Amino acid sequence: MLDEFMQTVGDSWKTVSVPESVAFPSIETYLQKYQDPAAADKVTKIQQDLDETTSILHKTIDSVLERGEKLDSLVEKSDDLSRQSKMFYKQAKKTNSCCVIS
């Protein structure tokens, strides 16, 4: 930016008594650009991107762990149902053995 200013204005700024009289149209563009430090500083922007990615990964891991807990619960319920089914089958077989009609 300084090099561009020197090329555009040169040393004429040294003799100016009113600073507003120095014409440097690019200054508005630079002011807008550097109002947002994240846009101006690449390291800050990268850090923000990393923070956002970390947050997303934490949410994803939490979701996976939650799903794992739900799957464990379903497996447990399935095992219980299987045991109850076997008990029912044995009980029904025992009950039916006394009442066999030929």
C-alpha atoms as a PDB file:
ATOM      1  CA  MET A   1       0.000   0.000   0.000  1.00  0.00           C
ATOM      2  CA  LEU A   2       2.861   2.362   0.851  1.00  0.00           C
ATOM      3  CA  ASP A   3       4.568   1.635  -2.463  1.00  0.00           C
ATOM      4  CA  GLU A   4       1.344   2.352  -4.331  1.00  0.00           C
ATOM      5  CA  PHE A   5       0.918   5.610  -2.402  1.00  0.00           C
ATOM      6  CA  MET A   6       4.473   6.677  -3.254  1.00  0.00           C
ATOM      7  CA  GLN A   7       3.949   5.852  -6.930  1.00  0.00           C
ATOM      8  CA  THR A   8       0.653   7.731  -7.083  1.00  0.00           C
ATOM      9  CA  VAL A   9       1.435  10.777  -4.935  1.00  0.00           C
ATOM     10  CA  GLY A  10       5.228  10.815  -4.827  1.00  0.00           C
ATOM     11  CA  ASP A  11       6.886  13.391  -2.591  1.00  0.00           C
ATOM     12  CA  SER A  12       4.192  15.982  -3.220  1.00  0.00           C
ATOM     13  CA  TRP A  13       2.526  15.079   0.094  1.00  0.00           C
ATOM     14  CA  LYS A  14       5.432  16.696   1.945  1.00  0.00           C
ATOM     15  CA  THR A  15       4.539  20.173   0.746  1.00  0.00           C
ATOM     16  CA  VAL A  16       0.785  19.951   1.295  1.00  0.00           C
ATOM     17  CA  SER A  17      -0.661  22.034   4.127  1.00  0.00           C
ATOM     18  CA  VAL A  18      -4.144  20.407   4.037  1.00  0.00           C
ATOM     19  CA  PRO A  19      -3.911  16.582   4.231  1.00  0.00           C
ATOM     20  CA  GLU A  20      -7.335  16.155   2.602  1.00  0.00           C
ATOM     21  CA  SER A  21      -5.993  17.678  -0.610  1.00  0.00           C
ATOM     22  CA  VAL A  22      -3.760  14.651  -1.264  1.00  0.00           C
ATOM     23  CA  ALA A  23      -5.617  12.466  -3.764  1.00  0.00           C
ATOM     24  CA  PHE A  24      -5.211   8.745  -3.192  1.00  0.00           C
ATOM     25  CA  PRO A  25      -8.381   7.035  -4.466  1.00  0.00           C
ATOM     26  CA  SER A  26      -7.236   3.537  -3.485  1.00  0.00           C
ATOM     27  CA  ILE A  27      -7.382   4.447   0.195  1.00  0.00           C
ATOM     28  CA  GLU A  28     -11.134   3.773   0.339  1.00  0.00           C
ATOM     29  CA  THR A  29     -10.605   0.261  -0.976  1.00  0.00           C
ATOM     30  CA  TYR A  30      -7.865  -0.400   1.562  1.00  0.00           C
ATOM     31  CA  LEU A  31      -9.924   1.029   4.414  1.00  0.00           C
ATOM     32  CA  GLN A  32     -12.839  -1.257   3.574  1.00  0.00           C
ATOM     33  CA  LYS A  33     -10.553  -4.257   3.187  1.00  0.00           C
ATOM     34  CA  TYR A  34      -8.756  -3.763   6.490  1.00  0.00           C
ATOM     35  CA  GLN A  35     -11.865  -2.971   8.556  1.00  0.00           C
ATOM     36  CA  ASP A  36     -12.322  -6.727   8.948  1.00  0.00           C
ATOM     37  CA  PRO A  37      -9.104  -8.052  10.551  1.00  0.00           C
ATOM     38  CA  ALA A  38      -9.975 -11.631   9.639  1.00  0.00           C
ATOM     39  CA  ALA A  39     -10.060 -10.753   5.957  1.00  0.00           C
ATOM     40  CA  ALA A  40      -6.812  -8.806   6.175  1.00  0.00           C
ATOM     41  CA  ASP A  41      -4.855 -11.254   8.321  1.00  0.00           C
ATOM     42  CA  LYS A  42      -4.524 -14.711   6.798  1.00  0.00           C
ATOM     43  CA  VAL A  43      -3.462 -16.302  10.071  1.00  0.00           C
ATOM     44  CA  THR A  44      -6.585 -15.020  11.832  1.00  0.00           C
ATOM     45  CA  LYS A  45      -8.772 -16.293   8.992  1.00  0.00           C
ATOM     46  CA  ILE A  46      -7.125 -19.718   9.108  1.00  0.00           C
ATOM     47  CA  GLN A  47      -7.565 -19.808  12.905  1.00  0.00           C
ATOM     48  CA  GLN A  48     -11.274 -19.000  12.535  1.00  0.00           C
ATOM     49  CA  ASP A  49     -11.634 -21.747   9.920  1.00  0.00           C
ATOM     50  CA  LEU A  50      -9.873 -24.199  12.238  1.00  0.00           C
ATOM     51  CA  ASP A  51     -12.091 -23.215  15.156  1.00  0.00           C
ATOM     52  CA  GLU A  52     -15.191 -23.727  13.010  1.00  0.00           C
ATOM     53  CA  THR A  53     -13.924 -27.112  11.789  1.00  0.00           C
ATOM     54  CA  THR A  54     -13.120 -28.173  15.362  1.00  0.00           C
ATOM     55  CA  SER A  55     -16.612 -27.222  16.475  1.00  0.00           C
ATOM     56  CA  ILE A  56     -18.179 -29.223  13.644  1.00  0.00           C
ATOM     57  CA  LEU A  57     -15.993 -32.251  14.453  1.00  0.00           C
ATOM     58  CA  HIS A  58     -16.972 -32.091  18.141  1.00  0.00           C
ATOM     59  CA  LYS A  59     -20.657 -32.060  17.180  1.00  0.00           C
ATOM     60  CA  THR A  60     -20.137 -34.974  14.797  1.00  0.00           C
ATOM     61  CA  ILE A  61     -18.282 -37.023  17.420  1.00  0.00           C
ATOM     62  CA  ASP A  62     -21.020 -36.308  19.966  1.00  0.00           C
ATOM     63  CA  SER A  63     -23.631 -37.488  17.459  1.00  0.00           C
ATOM     64  CA  VAL A  64     -21.680 -40.690  16.756  1.00  0.00           C
ATOM     65  CA  LEU A  65     -21.306 -41.411  20.477  1.00  0.00           C
ATOM     66  CA  GLU A  66     -25.016 -40.779  20.990  1.00  0.00           C
ATOM     67  CA  ARG A  67     -25.838 -43.168  18.148  1.00  0.00           C
ATOM     68  CA  GLY A  68     -23.471 -45.739  19.681  1.00  0.00           C
ATOM     69  CA  GLU A  69     -25.353 -45.520  22.978  1.00  0.00           C
ATOM     70  CA  LYS A  70     -28.643 -45.982  21.147  1.00  0.00           C
ATOM     71  CA  LEU A  71     -27.234 -48.991  19.285  1.00  0.00           C
ATOM     72  CA  ASP A  72     -26.009 -50.519  22.552  1.00  0.00           C
ATOM     73  CA  SER A  73     -29.480 -50.036  24.000  1.00  0.00           C
ATOM     74  CA  LEU A  74     -31.067 -51.705  20.959  1.00  0.00           C
ATOM     75  CA  VAL A  75     -28.669 -54.666  21.189  1.00  0.00           C
ATOM     76  CA  GLU A  76     -29.503 -55.060  24.854  1.00  0.00           C
ATOM     77  CA  LYS A  77     -33.246 -54.941  24.145  1.00  0.00           C
ATOM     78  CA  SER A  78     -32.792 -57.425  21.313  1.00  0.00           C
ATOM     79  CA  ASP A  79     -30.938 -59.836  23.626  1.00  0.00           C
ATOM     80  CA  ASP A  80     -33.693 -59.490  26.235  1.00  0.00           C
ATOM     81  CA  LEU A  81     -36.350 -60.176  23.612  1.00  0.00           C
ATOM     82  CA  SER A  82     -34.419 -63.208  22.399  1.00  0.00           C
ATOM     83  CA  ARG A  83     -34.178 -64.609  25.947  1.00  0.00           C
ATOM     84  CA  GLN A  84     -37.883 -64.000  26.558  1.00  0.00           C
ATOM     85  CA  SER A  85     -38.711 -65.650  23.248  1.00  0.00           C
ATOM     86  CA  LYS A  86     -36.725 -68.757  24.187  1.00  0.00           C
ATOM     87  CA  MET A  87     -38.390 -68.872  27.595  1.00  0.00           C
ATOM     88  CA  PHE A  88     -41.817 -68.546  25.954  1.00  0.00           C
ATOM     89  CA  TYR A  89     -40.998 -71.336  23.497  1.00  0.00           C
ATOM     90  CA  LYS A  90     -39.868 -73.676  26.303  1.00  0.00           C
ATOM     91  CA  GLN A  91     -42.899 -72.820  28.403  1.00  0.00           C
ATOM     92  CA  ALA A  92     -45.266 -73.333  25.447  1.00  0.00           C
ATOM     93  CA  LYS A  93     -43.609 -76.641  24.574  1.00  0.00           C
ATOM     94  CA  LYS A  94     -43.918 -77.809  28.171  1.00  0.00           C
ATOM     95  CA  THR A  95     -47.546 -76.715  28.346  1.00  0.00           C
ATOM     96  CA  ASN A  96     -48.433 -78.340  25.041  1.00  0.00           C
ATOM     97  CA  SER A  97     -46.721 -81.652  25.921  1.00  0.00           C
ATOM     98  CA  CYS A  98     -49.325 -82.466  28.539  1.00  0.00           C
ATOM     99  CA  CYS A  99     -52.251 -81.882  26.191  1.00  0.00           C
ATOM    100  CA  VAL A 100     -51.266 -83.755  23.056  1.00  0.00           C
ATOM    101  CA  ILE A 101     -54.331 -84.838  21.029  1.00  0.00           C
ATOM    102  CA  SER A 102     -53.869 -87.653  18.578  1.00  0.00           C
END
